[in-house]
Amino acid sequence: MLVSKRLKRLLKLVPGERRFGFYRFLPFFFVLGGAMEWFMINVRIGKETFYDVYRRKQSERQYEERMEKGE
């Protein structure tokens, strides 16, 4: 209960409750989404970024599809 009361009090501090209601949190989600996108594009873990892995897997799937059609 103590955490719930603290959380409610913290959420009340976000402005725009009467005008926007729950949607007043939308800008936070946009910023969070942008930060995640930037992280996936620019931060390398090992030698690859998320998009390097995605592109490689996509090209592997396309190659497998071509091989299946060709057989």
PDB file of N, CA and C in Angstrom:
ATOM      1  N   MET A   1       0.809  -1.197   0.000  1.00  0.00           N
ATOM      2  CA  MET A   1       0.000   0.000   0.000  1.00  0.00           C
ATOM      3  C   MET A   1       0.856   1.266   0.000  1.00  0.00           C
ATOM      4  N   LEU A   2       1.974   1.218   0.693  1.00  0.00           N
ATOM      5  CA  LEU A   2       2.820   2.398   0.787  1.00  0.00           C
ATOM      6  C   LEU A   2       3.369   2.782  -0.580  1.00  0.00           C
ATOM      7  N   VAL A   3       3.774   1.808  -1.371  1.00  0.00           N
ATOM      8  CA  VAL A   3       4.299   2.082  -2.700  1.00  0.00           C
ATOM      9  C   VAL A   3       3.190   2.649  -3.587  1.00  0.00           C
ATOM     10  N   SER A   4       1.992   2.102  -3.464  1.00  0.00           N
ATOM     11  CA  SER A   4       0.860   2.557  -4.263  1.00  0.00           C
ATOM     12  C   SER A   4       0.547   4.025  -3.976  1.00  0.00           C
ATOM     13  N   LYS A   5       0.567   4.412  -2.716  1.00  0.00           N
ATOM     14  CA  LYS A   5       0.296   5.807  -2.354  1.00  0.00           C
ATOM     15  C   LYS A   5       1.386   6.730  -2.906  1.00  0.00           C
ATOM     16  N   ARG A   6       2.634   6.276  -2.819  1.00  0.00           N
ATOM     17  CA  ARG A   6       3.742   7.085  -3.343  1.00  0.00           C
ATOM     18  C   ARG A   6       3.642   7.224  -4.852  1.00  0.00           C
ATOM     19  N   LEU A   7       3.291   6.140  -5.516  1.00  0.00           N
ATOM     20  CA  LEU A   7       3.147   6.164  -6.965  1.00  0.00           C
ATOM     21  C   LEU A   7       2.016   7.087  -7.386  1.00  0.00           C
ATOM     22  N   LYS A   8       0.896   7.024  -6.708  1.00  0.00           N
ATOM     23  CA  LYS A   8      -0.234   7.909  -7.015  1.00  0.00           C
ATOM     24  C   LYS A   8       0.161   9.371  -6.830  1.00  0.00           C
ATOM     25  N   ARG A   9       0.879   9.640  -5.754  1.00  0.00           N
ATOM     26  CA  ARG A   9       1.309  11.008  -5.495  1.00  0.00           C
ATOM     27  C   ARG A   9       2.281  11.492  -6.575  1.00  0.00           C
ATOM     28  N   LEU A  10       3.169  10.605  -7.022  1.00  0.00           N
ATOM     29  CA  LEU A  10       4.115  10.949  -8.078  1.00  0.00           C
ATOM     30  C   LEU A  10       3.384  11.204  -9.397  1.00  0.00           C
ATOM     31  N   LEU A  11       2.401  10.366  -9.716  1.00  0.00           N
ATOM     32  CA  LEU A  11       1.651  10.539 -10.963  1.00  0.00           C
ATOM     33  C   LEU A  11       0.800  11.803 -10.949  1.00  0.00           C
ATOM     34  N   LYS A  12       0.361  12.226  -9.777  1.00  0.00           N
ATOM     35  CA  LYS A  12      -0.420  13.465  -9.674  1.00  0.00           C
ATOM     36  C   LYS A  12       0.427  14.695  -9.996  1.00  0.00           C
ATOM     37  N   LEU A  13       1.741  14.577  -9.884  1.00  0.00           N
ATOM     38  CA  LEU A  13       2.623  15.708 -10.154  1.00  0.00           C
ATOM     39  C   LEU A  13       2.739  16.024 -11.643  1.00  0.00           C
ATOM     40  N   VAL A  14       2.375  15.069 -12.503  1.00  0.00           N
ATOM     41  CA  VAL A  14       2.447  15.288 -13.948  1.00  0.00           C
ATOM     42  C   VAL A  14       1.310  16.233 -14.332  1.00  0.00           C
ATOM     43  N   PRO A  15       1.614  17.351 -14.963  1.00  0.00           N
ATOM     44  CA  PRO A  15       0.584  18.337 -15.274  1.00  0.00           C
ATOM     45  C   PRO A  15      -0.379  17.870 -16.369  1.00  0.00           C
ATOM     46  N   GLY A  16      -1.559  18.492 -16.415  1.00  0.00           N
ATOM     47  CA  GLY A  16      -2.528  18.256 -17.474  1.00  0.00           C
ATOM     48  C   GLY A  16      -3.569  17.203 -17.158  1.00  0.00           C
ATOM     49  N   GLU A  17      -3.781  16.893 -15.895  1.00  0.00           N
ATOM     50  CA  GLU A  17      -4.713  15.818 -15.538  1.00  0.00           C
ATOM     51  C   GLU A  17      -6.141  16.159 -15.948  1.00  0.00           C
ATOM     52  N   ARG A  18      -6.585  17.366 -15.697  1.00  0.00           N
ATOM     53  CA  ARG A  18      -7.972  17.727 -16.039  1.00  0.00           C
ATOM     54  C   ARG A  18      -8.191  17.797 -17.536  1.00  0.00           C
ATOM     55  N   ARG A  19      -7.260  18.360 -18.267  1.00  0.00           N
ATOM     56  CA  ARG A  19      -7.448  18.562 -19.705  1.00  0.00           C
ATOM     57  C   ARG A  19      -7.213  17.289 -20.515  1.00  0.00           C
ATOM     58  N   PHE A  20      -6.134  16.558 -20.206  1.00  0.00           N
ATOM     59  CA  PHE A  20      -5.741  15.424 -21.034  1.00  0.00           C
ATOM     60  C   PHE A  20      -6.036  14.064 -20.407  1.00  0.00           C
ATOM     61  N   GLY A  21      -6.254  14.011 -19.110  1.00  0.00           N
ATOM     62  CA  GLY A  21      -6.520  12.736 -18.447  1.00  0.00           C
ATOM     63  C   GLY A  21      -5.313  11.812 -18.530  1.00  0.00           C
ATOM     64  N   PHE A  22      -5.578  10.558 -18.861  1.00  0.00           N
ATOM     65  CA  PHE A  22      -4.502   9.579 -18.929  1.00  0.00           C
ATOM     66  C   PHE A  22      -3.531   9.891 -20.056  1.00  0.00           C
ATOM     67  N   TYR A  23      -3.976  10.582 -21.087  1.00  0.00           N
ATOM     68  CA  TYR A  23      -3.137  10.861 -22.253  1.00  0.00           C
ATOM     69  C   TYR A  23      -2.029  11.865 -21.971  1.00  0.00           C
ATOM     70  N   ARG A  24      -1.988  12.414 -20.803  1.00  0.00           N
ATOM     71  CA  ARG A  24      -0.917  13.355 -20.468  1.00  0.00           C
ATOM     72  C   ARG A  24       0.435  12.658 -20.393  1.00  0.00           C
ATOM     73  N   PHE A  25       0.430  11.334 -20.326  1.00  0.00           N
ATOM     74  CA  PHE A  25       1.682  10.569 -20.258  1.00  0.00           C
ATOM     75  C   PHE A  25       2.238  10.255 -21.636  1.00  0.00           C
ATOM     76  N   LEU A  26       1.512  10.562 -22.697  1.00  0.00           N
ATOM     77  CA  LEU A  26       1.928  10.231 -24.050  1.00  0.00           C
ATOM     78  C   LEU A  26       3.314  10.767 -24.417  1.00  0.00           C
ATOM     79  N   PRO A  27       3.659  12.011 -24.094  1.00  0.00           N
ATOM     80  CA  PRO A  27       5.005  12.493 -24.444  1.00  0.00           C
ATOM     81  C   PRO A  27       6.132  11.642 -23.851  1.00  0.00           C
ATOM     82  N   PHE A  28       5.916  11.093 -22.655  1.00  0.00           N
ATOM     83  CA  PHE A  28       6.940  10.234 -22.058  1.00  0.00           C
ATOM     84  C   PHE A  28       7.143   8.976 -22.902  1.00  0.00           C
ATOM     85  N   PHE A  29       6.041   8.421 -23.416  1.00  0.00           N
ATOM     86  CA  PHE A  29       6.152   7.213 -24.219  1.00  0.00           C
ATOM     87  C   PHE A  29       6.815   7.505 -25.563  1.00  0.00           C
ATOM     88  N   PHE A  30       6.549   8.680 -26.141  1.00  0.00           N
ATOM     89  CA  PHE A  30       7.219   9.051 -27.381  1.00  0.00           C
ATOM     90  C   PHE A  30       8.723   9.187 -27.164  1.00  0.00           C
ATOM     91  N   VAL A  31       9.110   9.807 -26.087  1.00  0.00           N
ATOM     92  CA  VAL A  31      10.536   9.961 -25.785  1.00  0.00           C
ATOM     93  C   VAL A  31      11.174   8.602 -25.518  1.00  0.00           C
ATOM     94  N   LEU A  32      10.477   7.747 -24.777  1.00  0.00           N
ATOM     95  CA  LEU A  32      10.992   6.411 -24.510  1.00  0.00           C
ATOM     96  C   LEU A  32      11.154   5.618 -25.804  1.00  0.00           C
ATOM     97  N   GLY A  33      10.185   5.700 -26.696  1.00  0.00           N
ATOM     98  CA  GLY A  33      10.279   5.005 -27.977  1.00  0.00           C
ATOM     99  C   GLY A  33      11.427   5.517 -28.823  1.00  0.00           C
ATOM    100  N   GLY A  34      11.602   6.837 -28.844  1.00  0.00           N
ATOM    101  CA  GLY A  34      12.719   7.418 -29.587  1.00  0.00           C
ATOM    102  C   GLY A  34      14.063   6.999 -29.022  1.00  0.00           C
ATOM    103  N   ALA A  35      14.152   6.945 -27.710  1.00  0.00           N
ATOM    104  CA  ALA A  35      15.405   6.523 -27.075  1.00  0.00           C
ATOM    105  C   ALA A  35      15.710   5.054 -27.387  1.00  0.00           C
ATOM    106  N   MET A  36      14.687   4.219 -27.384  1.00  0.00           N
ATOM    107  CA  MET A  36      14.899   2.809 -27.720  1.00  0.00           C
ATOM    108  C   MET A  36      15.344   2.657 -29.168  1.00  0.00           C
ATOM    109  N   GLU A  37      14.731   3.423 -30.063  1.00  0.00           N
ATOM    110  CA  GLU A  37      15.095   3.368 -31.478  1.00  0.00           C
ATOM    111  C   GLU A  37      16.555   3.808 -31.675  1.00  0.00           C
ATOM    112  N   TRP A  38      16.936   4.896 -31.033  1.00  0.00           N
ATOM    113  CA  TRP A  38      18.307   5.383 -31.130  1.00  0.00           C
ATOM    114  C   TRP A  38      19.284   4.328 -30.611  1.00  0.00           C
ATOM    115  N   PHE A  39      18.930   3.708 -29.495  1.00  0.00           N
ATOM    116  CA  PHE A  39      19.789   2.674 -28.904  1.00  0.00           C
ATOM    117  C   PHE A  39      19.966   1.516 -29.872  1.00  0.00           C
ATOM    118  N   MET A  40      18.872   1.067 -30.502  1.00  0.00           N
ATOM    119  CA  MET A  40      18.959  -0.081 -31.401  1.00  0.00           C
ATOM    120  C   MET A  40      19.758   0.237 -32.658  1.00  0.00           C
ATOM    121  N   ILE A  41      19.742   1.486 -33.095  1.00  0.00           N
ATOM    122  CA  ILE A  41      20.466   1.862 -34.301  1.00  0.00           C
ATOM    123  C   ILE A  41      21.949   2.099 -34.009  1.00  0.00           C
ATOM    124  N   ASN A  42      22.261   2.764 -32.928  1.00  0.00           N
ATOM    125  CA  ASN A  42      23.615   3.261 -32.701  1.00  0.00           C
ATOM    126  C   ASN A  42      24.490   2.468 -31.740  1.00  0.00           C
ATOM    127  N   VAL A  43      23.912   1.713 -30.840  1.00  0.00           N
ATOM    128  CA  VAL A  43      24.717   1.042 -29.823  1.00  0.00           C
ATOM    129  C   VAL A  43      25.082  -0.353 -30.306  1.00  0.00           C
ATOM    130  N   ARG A  44      26.368  -0.618 -30.346  1.00  0.00           N
ATOM    131  CA  ARG A  44      26.845  -1.927 -30.775  1.00  0.00           C
ATOM    132  C   ARG A  44      27.070  -2.813 -29.561  1.00  0.00           C
ATOM    133  N   ILE A  45      26.546  -4.018 -29.649  1.00  0.00           N
ATOM    134  CA  ILE A  45      26.790  -5.030 -28.621  1.00  0.00           C
ATOM    135  C   ILE A  45      27.625  -6.095 -29.310  1.00  0.00           C
ATOM    136  N   GLY A  46      28.847  -6.211 -28.901  1.00  0.00           N
ATOM    137  CA  GLY A  46      29.782  -7.040 -29.652  1.00  0.00           C
ATOM    138  C   GLY A  46      30.162  -6.283 -30.905  1.00  0.00           C
ATOM    139  N   LYS A  47      29.914  -6.892 -32.077  1.00  0.00           N
ATOM    140  CA  LYS A  47      30.243  -6.220 -33.335  1.00  0.00           C
ATOM    141  C   LYS A  47      29.005  -5.801 -34.107  1.00  0.00           C
ATOM    142  N   GLU A  48      27.813  -6.029 -33.551  1.00  0.00           N
ATOM    143  CA  GLU A  48      26.594  -5.791 -34.314  1.00  0.00           C
ATOM    144  C   GLU A  48      25.599  -4.944 -33.548  1.00  0.00           C
ATOM    145  N   THR A  49      24.800  -4.227 -34.323  1.00  0.00           N
ATOM    146  CA  THR A  49      23.653  -3.531 -33.760  1.00  0.00           C
ATOM    147  C   THR A  49      22.415  -4.389 -34.005  1.00  0.00           C
ATOM    148  N   PHE A  50      21.303  -3.984 -33.442  1.00  0.00           N
ATOM    149  CA  PHE A  50      20.051  -4.709 -33.634  1.00  0.00           C
ATOM    150  C   PHE A  50      19.684  -4.778 -35.115  1.00  0.00           C
ATOM    151  N   TYR A  51      19.854  -3.682 -35.821  1.00  0.00           N
ATOM    152  CA  TYR A  51      19.460  -3.646 -37.226  1.00  0.00           C
ATOM    153  C   TYR A  51      20.387  -4.478 -38.111  1.00  0.00           C
ATOM    154  N   ASP A  52      21.648  -4.612 -37.741  1.00  0.00           N
ATOM    155  CA  ASP A  52      22.541  -5.509 -38.486  1.00  0.00           C
ATOM    156  C   ASP A  52      22.013  -6.937 -38.425  1.00  0.00           C
ATOM    157  N   VAL A  53      21.624  -7.360 -37.236  1.00  0.00           N
ATOM    158  CA  VAL A  53      21.090  -8.717 -37.066  1.00  0.00           C
ATOM    159  C   VAL A  53      19.783  -8.857 -37.826  1.00  0.00           C
ATOM    160  N   TYR A  54      18.922  -7.859 -37.754  1.00  0.00           N
ATOM    161  CA  TYR A  54      17.629  -7.911 -38.436  1.00  0.00           C
ATOM    162  C   TYR A  54      17.819  -8.047 -39.949  1.00  0.00           C
ATOM    163  N   ARG A  55      18.701  -7.222 -40.513  1.00  0.00           N
ATOM    164  CA  ARG A  55      18.930  -7.286 -41.965  1.00  0.00           C
ATOM    165  C   ARG A  55      19.526  -8.630 -42.391  1.00  0.00           C
ATOM    166  N   ARG A  56      20.448  -9.149 -41.592  1.00  0.00           N
ATOM    167  CA  ARG A  56      21.043 -10.436 -41.918  1.00  0.00           C
ATOM    168  C   ARG A  56      19.997 -11.549 -41.896  1.00  0.00           C
ATOM    169  N   LYS A  57      19.167 -11.570 -40.869  1.00  0.00           N
ATOM    170  CA  LYS A  57      18.121 -12.597 -40.777  1.00  0.00           C
ATOM    171  C   LYS A  57      17.131 -12.464 -41.922  1.00  0.00           C
ATOM    172  N   GLN A  58      16.778 -11.242 -42.285  1.00  0.00           N
ATOM    173  CA  GLN A  58      15.841 -11.016 -43.385  1.00  0.00           C
ATOM    174  C   GLN A  58      16.422 -11.529 -44.703  1.00  0.00           C
ATOM    175  N   SER A  59      17.696 -11.256 -44.954  1.00  0.00           N
ATOM    176  CA  SER A  59      18.306 -11.738 -46.195  1.00  0.00           C
ATOM    177  C   SER A  59      18.441 -13.263 -46.181  1.00  0.00           C
ATOM    178  N   GLU A  60      18.677 -13.865 -45.019  1.00  0.00           N
ATOM    179  CA  GLU A  60      18.727 -15.323 -44.929  1.00  0.00           C
ATOM    180  C   GLU A  60      17.366 -15.933 -45.266  1.00  0.00           C
ATOM    181  N   ARG A  61      16.291 -15.307 -44.757  1.00  0.00           N
ATOM    182  CA  ARG A  61      14.947 -15.815 -45.066  1.00  0.00           C
ATOM    183  C   ARG A  61      14.640 -15.694 -46.558  1.00  0.00           C
ATOM    184  N   GLN A  62      15.012 -14.576 -47.156  1.00  0.00           N
ATOM    185  CA  GLN A  62      14.777 -14.403 -48.590  1.00  0.00           C
ATOM    186  C   GLN A  62      15.561 -15.435 -49.398  1.00  0.00           C
ATOM    187  N   TYR A  63      16.783 -15.706 -49.008  1.00  0.00           N
ATOM    188  CA  TYR A  63      17.605 -16.700 -49.695  1.00  0.00           C
ATOM    189  C   TYR A  63      16.969 -18.085 -49.592  1.00  0.00           C
ATOM    190  N   GLU A  64      16.493 -18.439 -48.399  1.00  0.00           N
ATOM    191  CA  GLU A  64      15.847 -19.740 -48.220  1.00  0.00           C
ATOM    192  C   GLU A  64      14.587 -19.856 -49.069  1.00  0.00           C
ATOM    193  N   GLU A  65      13.803 -18.774 -49.165  1.00  0.00           N
ATOM    194  CA  GLU A  65      12.599 -18.788 -49.991  1.00  0.00           C
ATOM    195  C   GLU A  65      12.950 -18.996 -51.459  1.00  0.00           C
ATOM    196  N   ARG A  66      13.993 -18.337 -51.925  1.00  0.00           N
ATOM    197  CA  ARG A  66      14.419 -18.500 -53.324  1.00  0.00           C
ATOM    198  C   ARG A  66      14.885 -19.930 -53.595  1.00  0.00           C
ATOM    199  N   MET A  67      15.593 -20.506 -52.629  1.00  0.00           N
ATOM    200  CA  MET A  67      16.068 -21.882 -52.795  1.00  0.00           C
ATOM    201  C   MET A  67      14.896 -22.867 -52.853  1.00  0.00           C
ATOM    202  N   GLU A  68      13.871 -22.625 -52.025  1.00  0.00           N
ATOM    203  CA  GLU A  68      12.702 -23.501 -52.029  1.00  0.00           C
ATOM    204  C   GLU A  68      11.943 -23.394 -53.337  1.00  0.00           C
ATOM    205  N   LYS A  69      11.814 -22.192 -53.876  1.00  0.00           N
ATOM    206  CA  LYS A  69      11.104 -21.982 -55.150  1.00  0.00           C
ATOM    207  C   LYS A  69      11.900 -22.566 -56.306  1.00  0.00           C
ATOM    208  N   GLY A  70      13.199 -22.495 -56.220  1.00  0.00           N
ATOM    209  CA  GLY A  70      14.055 -22.980 -57.288  1.00  0.00           C
ATOM    210  C   GLY A  70      14.127 -24.493 -57.367  1.00  0.00           C
ATOM    211  N   GLU A  71      13.835 -25.159 -56.296  1.00  0.00           N
ATOM    212  CA  GLU A  71      13.930 -26.628 -56.287  1.00  0.00           C
ATOM    213  C   GLU A  71      12.736 -27.297 -56.897  1.00  0.00           C
TER     214      GLU A  71
END
